[in-house]
Amino acid sequence: MERRIFIRDFRLQVSIGIHDFERQGPQTVVVNVDLLLAPADKAHNDRIGNVLNYDTVHAGIAALAGSRHFNLQETLVDAILDFCLSQPGVIEARVSTEKPDVYKDCRVGYESVRRR
């Protein structure tokens, strides 16, 4: 049995970009995270302490995104992957970011998958 948790369309204001105009203020970045979890070593028994709490993941991503300036989406994704894979029971993480305001006719982004 596979177990996953995910966060979709998490909109954050992030200091990101290499251009001077991008450094003038934060931009909207949309983050998507999909985490593959190891098989449960015990029953969850309907207790939050027995599962990976997505509040922890949500808060960690928000804190990370607001912690500094990122030149590249790739760097932000790598940092989110590091954070997600440090969580107990996570064996694989897929993270994508999008900058929805770069072009009027499409969305641009980056995605990476890493396994422990």
N, C-alpha and C. Protein backbone atom coordinates (compact mmCIF):
# COMPACT_ATOMS: atom_id res chain seq x y z
N MET A 1 0.84 -1.17 0.00
CA MET A 1 0.00 0.00 0.00
C MET A 1 0.89 1.24 0.00
N GLU A 2 0.62 2.17 -0.92
CA GLU A 2 1.33 3.45 -0.95
C GLU A 2 0.57 4.48 -0.15
N ARG A 3 1.33 5.30 0.55
CA ARG A 3 0.74 6.39 1.32
C ARG A 3 1.41 7.69 0.88
N ARG A 4 0.62 8.70 0.67
CA ARG A 4 1.14 10.00 0.25
C ARG A 4 0.41 11.11 0.99
N ILE A 5 1.11 12.20 1.18
CA ILE A 5 0.43 13.44 1.54
C ILE A 5 0.86 14.48 0.51
N PHE A 6 0.03 15.47 0.32
CA PHE A 6 0.37 16.48 -0.67
C PHE A 6 -0.13 17.85 -0.24
N ILE A 7 0.51 18.84 -0.79
CA ILE A 7 0.07 20.23 -0.68
C ILE A 7 0.04 20.75 -2.10
N ARG A 8 -1.10 21.28 -2.50
CA ARG A 8 -1.25 21.75 -3.88
C ARG A 8 -1.60 23.23 -3.91
N ASP A 9 -1.00 23.89 -4.88
CA ASP A 9 -1.32 25.30 -5.17
C ASP A 9 -1.13 26.22 -3.97
N PHE A 10 -0.04 25.99 -3.25
CA PHE A 10 0.32 26.80 -2.09
C PHE A 10 0.94 28.10 -2.62
N ARG A 11 0.21 29.20 -2.50
CA ARG A 11 0.65 30.49 -3.02
C ARG A 11 1.42 31.25 -1.94
N LEU A 12 2.64 31.59 -2.27
CA LEU A 12 3.52 32.29 -1.34
C LEU A 12 4.11 33.53 -2.00
N GLN A 13 4.45 34.51 -1.20
CA GLN A 13 5.21 35.65 -1.67
C GLN A 13 6.68 35.37 -1.34
N VAL A 14 7.50 35.31 -2.39
CA VAL A 14 8.89 34.89 -2.24
C VAL A 14 9.81 35.91 -2.90
N SER A 15 10.90 36.22 -2.24
CA SER A 15 11.95 37.02 -2.86
C SER A 15 12.75 36.08 -3.75
N ILE A 16 12.53 36.21 -5.07
CA ILE A 16 13.13 35.26 -6.01
C ILE A 16 13.39 35.95 -7.34
N GLY A 17 14.50 35.61 -7.95
CA GLY A 17 14.79 36.09 -9.29
C GLY A 17 16.18 36.67 -9.41
N ILE A 18 16.64 36.73 -10.66
CA ILE A 18 17.99 37.22 -10.94
C ILE A 18 18.00 38.64 -11.49
N HIS A 19 16.85 39.11 -11.96
CA HIS A 19 16.78 40.43 -12.56
C HIS A 19 16.60 41.51 -11.50
N ASP A 20 17.09 42.71 -11.79
CA ASP A 20 16.96 43.82 -10.84
C ASP A 20 15.51 44.06 -10.44
N PHE A 21 14.59 44.04 -11.40
CA PHE A 21 13.19 44.31 -11.08
C PHE A 21 12.60 43.21 -10.18
N GLU A 22 13.16 42.00 -10.25
CA GLU A 22 12.68 40.91 -9.38
C GLU A 22 13.16 41.08 -7.95
N ARG A 23 14.23 41.80 -7.78
CA ARG A 23 14.80 42.01 -6.44
C ARG A 23 14.14 43.17 -5.70
N GLN A 24 13.23 43.87 -6.37
CA GLN A 24 12.57 45.03 -5.76
C GLN A 24 11.47 44.64 -4.78
N GLY A 25 10.99 43.42 -4.88
CA GLY A 25 9.94 42.97 -3.98
C GLY A 25 9.60 41.52 -4.24
N PRO A 26 8.87 40.92 -3.34
CA PRO A 26 8.54 39.49 -3.52
C PRO A 26 7.59 39.27 -4.70
N GLN A 27 7.65 38.05 -5.22
CA GLN A 27 6.79 37.60 -6.31
C GLN A 27 5.93 36.44 -5.81
N THR A 28 4.81 36.26 -6.46
CA THR A 28 3.99 35.10 -6.17
C THR A 28 4.66 33.86 -6.74
N VAL A 29 4.78 32.85 -5.90
CA VAL A 29 5.28 31.54 -6.32
C VAL A 29 4.26 30.51 -5.85
N VAL A 30 3.91 29.60 -6.74
CA VAL A 30 2.97 28.53 -6.41
C VAL A 30 3.78 27.25 -6.21
N VAL A 31 3.62 26.65 -5.04
CA VAL A 31 4.38 25.45 -4.68
C VAL A 31 3.44 24.26 -4.62
N ASN A 32 3.89 23.15 -5.20
CA ASN A 32 3.19 21.86 -5.11
C ASN A 32 4.16 20.83 -4.57
N VAL A 33 3.68 20.05 -3.62
CA VAL A 33 4.51 19.04 -2.96
C VAL A 33 3.74 17.74 -2.90
N ASP A 34 4.40 16.65 -3.26
CA ASP A 34 3.82 15.31 -3.13
C ASP A 34 4.85 14.45 -2.43
N LEU A 35 4.47 13.88 -1.29
CA LEU A 35 5.41 13.11 -0.48
C LEU A 35 4.97 11.65 -0.41
N LEU A 36 5.87 10.76 -0.81
CA LEU A 36 5.65 9.32 -0.67
C LEU A 36 6.17 8.92 0.69
N LEU A 37 5.31 8.25 1.45
CA LEU A 37 5.65 7.87 2.82
C LEU A 37 6.01 6.40 2.90
N ALA A 38 6.90 6.08 3.81
CA ALA A 38 7.26 4.69 4.08
C ALA A 38 6.04 3.97 4.63
N PRO A 39 6.00 2.66 4.47
CA PRO A 39 4.89 1.91 5.09
C PRO A 39 4.82 2.21 6.59
N ALA A 40 3.63 2.32 7.08
CA ALA A 40 3.44 2.64 8.50
C ALA A 40 4.01 1.53 9.37
N ASP A 41 4.78 1.94 10.38
CA ASP A 41 5.33 0.94 11.30
C ASP A 41 4.37 0.65 12.45
N LYS A 42 3.29 1.43 12.52
CA LYS A 42 2.25 1.18 13.52
C LYS A 42 0.95 1.79 13.00
N ALA A 43 -0.14 1.35 13.53
CA ALA A 43 -1.44 1.89 13.15
C ALA A 43 -1.54 3.34 13.62
N HIS A 44 -2.18 4.17 12.84
CA HIS A 44 -2.29 5.58 13.23
C HIS A 44 -3.28 5.78 14.38
N ASN A 45 -4.22 4.85 14.56
CA ASN A 45 -5.18 4.91 15.66
C ASN A 45 -5.86 6.27 15.78
N ASP A 46 -6.03 6.93 14.63
CA ASP A 46 -6.73 8.22 14.57
C ASP A 46 -6.06 9.27 15.45
N ARG A 47 -4.72 9.21 15.56
CA ARG A 47 -3.96 10.16 16.37
C ARG A 47 -2.93 10.87 15.49
N ILE A 48 -2.92 12.19 15.56
CA ILE A 48 -2.03 13.00 14.74
C ILE A 48 -0.56 12.70 15.04
N GLY A 49 -0.25 12.30 16.24
CA GLY A 49 1.13 11.99 16.60
C GLY A 49 1.68 10.75 15.91
N ASN A 50 0.80 9.97 15.29
CA ASN A 50 1.23 8.74 14.61
C ASN A 50 1.34 8.90 13.10
N VAL A 51 1.21 10.12 12.60
CA VAL A 51 1.32 10.38 11.16
C VAL A 51 2.17 11.63 10.94
N LEU A 52 2.56 11.86 9.70
CA LEU A 52 3.24 13.10 9.35
C LEU A 52 2.17 14.18 9.24
N ASN A 53 2.29 15.18 10.06
CA ASN A 53 1.31 16.27 10.12
C ASN A 53 1.59 17.25 8.99
N TYR A 54 0.64 17.44 8.10
CA TYR A 54 0.87 18.36 7.00
C TYR A 54 0.97 19.80 7.47
N ASP A 55 0.50 20.11 8.68
CA ASP A 55 0.73 21.45 9.24
C ASP A 55 2.23 21.72 9.36
N THR A 56 2.98 20.69 9.76
CA THR A 56 4.43 20.82 9.89
C THR A 56 5.06 21.10 8.53
N VAL A 57 4.63 20.38 7.51
CA VAL A 57 5.17 20.57 6.16
C VAL A 57 4.80 21.97 5.65
N HIS A 58 3.55 22.35 5.80
CA HIS A 58 3.07 23.66 5.35
C HIS A 58 3.86 24.78 6.01
N ALA A 59 3.97 24.75 7.32
CA ALA A 59 4.68 25.79 8.05
C ALA A 59 6.16 25.82 7.69
N GLY A 60 6.76 24.65 7.51
CA GLY A 60 8.18 24.58 7.17
C GLY A 60 8.47 25.18 5.80
N ILE A 61 7.60 24.90 4.84
CA ILE A 61 7.78 25.47 3.49
C ILE A 61 7.61 26.98 3.53
N ALA A 62 6.59 27.44 4.25
CA ALA A 62 6.36 28.89 4.36
C ALA A 62 7.57 29.59 5.00
N ALA A 63 8.09 29.02 6.07
CA ALA A 63 9.25 29.61 6.75
C ALA A 63 10.47 29.62 5.83
N LEU A 64 10.69 28.53 5.14
CA LEU A 64 11.82 28.43 4.23
C LEU A 64 11.71 29.45 3.10
N ALA A 65 10.53 29.55 2.51
CA ALA A 65 10.32 30.47 1.38
C ALA A 65 10.53 31.93 1.80
N GLY A 66 10.26 32.24 3.05
CA GLY A 66 10.44 33.60 3.54
C GLY A 66 11.77 33.87 4.19
N SER A 67 12.66 32.89 4.19
CA SER A 67 13.89 33.01 4.95
C SER A 67 15.00 33.80 4.28
N ARG A 68 14.93 33.96 2.94
CA ARG A 68 16.03 34.63 2.24
C ARG A 68 15.64 34.88 0.79
N HIS A 69 16.54 35.46 0.04
CA HIS A 69 16.35 35.63 -1.40
C HIS A 69 16.86 34.39 -2.12
N PHE A 70 16.10 33.95 -3.10
CA PHE A 70 16.51 32.84 -3.96
C PHE A 70 16.69 33.39 -5.36
N ASN A 71 17.85 33.15 -5.96
CA ASN A 71 18.05 33.58 -7.34
C ASN A 71 17.21 32.74 -8.30
N LEU A 72 17.15 31.45 -8.04
CA LEU A 72 16.54 30.50 -8.99
C LEU A 72 15.44 29.68 -8.34
N GLN A 73 14.45 29.32 -9.15
CA GLN A 73 13.44 28.38 -8.69
C GLN A 73 14.09 27.05 -8.33
N GLU A 74 15.11 26.66 -9.06
CA GLU A 74 15.80 25.41 -8.79
C GLU A 74 16.35 25.37 -7.37
N THR A 75 16.89 26.49 -6.91
CA THR A 75 17.44 26.57 -5.57
C THR A 75 16.35 26.46 -4.51
N LEU A 76 15.23 27.13 -4.75
CA LEU A 76 14.10 27.04 -3.83
C LEU A 76 13.57 25.62 -3.77
N VAL A 77 13.41 24.97 -4.92
CA VAL A 77 12.93 23.59 -4.96
C VAL A 77 13.90 22.67 -4.22
N ASP A 78 15.19 22.83 -4.43
CA ASP A 78 16.17 22.00 -3.72
C ASP A 78 16.06 22.16 -2.21
N ALA A 79 15.86 23.39 -1.75
CA ALA A 79 15.72 23.63 -0.31
C ALA A 79 14.45 22.99 0.24
N ILE A 80 13.36 23.07 -0.51
CA ILE A 80 12.11 22.44 -0.07
C ILE A 80 12.27 20.92 -0.06
N LEU A 81 12.94 20.37 -1.06
CA LEU A 81 13.20 18.92 -1.08
C LEU A 81 14.00 18.50 0.15
N ASP A 82 15.05 19.25 0.47
CA ASP A 82 15.85 18.93 1.66
C ASP A 82 14.97 18.90 2.91
N PHE A 83 14.14 19.93 3.05
CA PHE A 83 13.25 20.00 4.21
C PHE A 83 12.29 18.82 4.25
N CYS A 84 11.64 18.55 3.14
CA CYS A 84 10.65 17.47 3.10
C CYS A 84 11.28 16.11 3.39
N LEU A 85 12.44 15.86 2.83
CA LEU A 85 13.09 14.57 3.04
C LEU A 85 13.66 14.43 4.45
N SER A 86 13.73 15.52 5.18
CA SER A 86 14.18 15.43 6.58
C SER A 86 13.03 15.04 7.52
N GLN A 87 11.81 15.01 7.01
CA GLN A 87 10.66 14.67 7.84
C GLN A 87 10.57 13.16 8.02
N PRO A 88 10.17 12.71 9.19
CA PRO A 88 10.10 11.28 9.47
C PRO A 88 9.14 10.56 8.51
N GLY A 89 9.63 9.47 7.96
CA GLY A 89 8.79 8.61 7.13
C GLY A 89 8.71 8.99 5.67
N VAL A 90 9.27 10.13 5.28
CA VAL A 90 9.23 10.54 3.87
C VAL A 90 10.36 9.83 3.13
N ILE A 91 10.00 9.09 2.08
CA ILE A 91 11.03 8.39 1.31
C ILE A 91 11.23 8.98 -0.08
N GLU A 92 10.25 9.75 -0.55
CA GLU A 92 10.39 10.42 -1.83
C GLU A 92 9.59 11.71 -1.80
N ALA A 93 10.15 12.73 -2.43
CA ALA A 93 9.45 14.01 -2.51
C ALA A 93 9.49 14.53 -3.94
N ARG A 94 8.36 15.02 -4.39
CA ARG A 94 8.24 15.70 -5.68
C ARG A 94 7.81 17.13 -5.36
N VAL A 95 8.60 18.08 -5.81
CA VAL A 95 8.33 19.49 -5.52
C VAL A 95 8.38 20.27 -6.82
N SER A 96 7.38 21.12 -7.01
CA SER A 96 7.41 22.04 -8.15
C SER A 96 7.10 23.44 -7.68
N THR A 97 7.66 24.40 -8.41
CA THR A 97 7.34 25.80 -8.19
C THR A 97 6.94 26.40 -9.53
N GLU A 98 6.06 27.37 -9.46
CA GLU A 98 5.65 28.11 -10.65
C GLU A 98 5.65 29.59 -10.32
N LYS A 99 6.03 30.38 -11.31
CA LYS A 99 5.92 31.83 -11.21
C LYS A 99 4.80 32.23 -12.19
N PRO A 100 3.58 32.40 -11.68
CA PRO A 100 2.44 32.59 -12.57
C PRO A 100 2.37 33.96 -13.26
N ASP A 101 3.17 34.91 -12.80
CA ASP A 101 3.06 36.27 -13.33
C ASP A 101 4.16 36.64 -14.31
N VAL A 102 5.00 35.69 -14.71
CA VAL A 102 6.10 36.00 -15.62
C VAL A 102 5.58 36.31 -17.02
N TYR A 103 4.69 35.47 -17.53
CA TYR A 103 4.12 35.66 -18.86
C TYR A 103 2.60 35.67 -18.76
N LYS A 104 1.97 36.36 -19.65
CA LYS A 104 0.51 36.41 -19.65
C LYS A 104 -0.12 35.19 -20.29
N ASP A 105 0.64 34.48 -21.13
CA ASP A 105 0.05 33.39 -21.91
C ASP A 105 0.41 31.98 -21.42
N CYS A 106 1.16 31.89 -20.31
CA CYS A 106 1.51 30.56 -19.79
C CYS A 106 2.07 30.69 -18.38
N ARG A 107 2.26 29.55 -17.76
CA ARG A 107 2.92 29.50 -16.45
C ARG A 107 4.29 28.87 -16.67
N VAL A 108 5.27 29.32 -15.92
CA VAL A 108 6.62 28.75 -16.01
C VAL A 108 7.02 28.22 -14.64
N GLY A 109 7.79 27.15 -14.64
CA GLY A 109 8.18 26.58 -13.37
C GLY A 109 9.28 25.57 -13.48
N TYR A 110 9.50 24.92 -12.37
CA TYR A 110 10.54 23.90 -12.25
C TYR A 110 10.04 22.81 -11.33
N GLU A 111 10.42 21.57 -11.63
CA GLU A 111 10.01 20.44 -10.80
C GLU A 111 11.19 19.48 -10.65
N SER A 112 11.29 18.90 -9.47
CA SER A 112 12.33 17.91 -9.22
C SER A 112 11.79 16.84 -8.26
N VAL A 113 12.31 15.63 -8.43
CA VAL A 113 11.93 14.51 -7.57
C VAL A 113 13.21 13.96 -6.96
N ARG A 114 13.17 13.73 -5.66
CA ARG A 114 14.33 13.14 -5.00
C ARG A 114 13.85 12.06 -4.03
N ARG A 115 14.66 11.02 -3.95
CA ARG A 115 14.36 9.89 -3.08
C ARG A 115 15.48 9.75 -2.05
N ARG A 116 15.10 9.33 -0.84
CA ARG A 116 16.10 9.08 0.21
C ARG A 116 16.93 7.89 -0.15
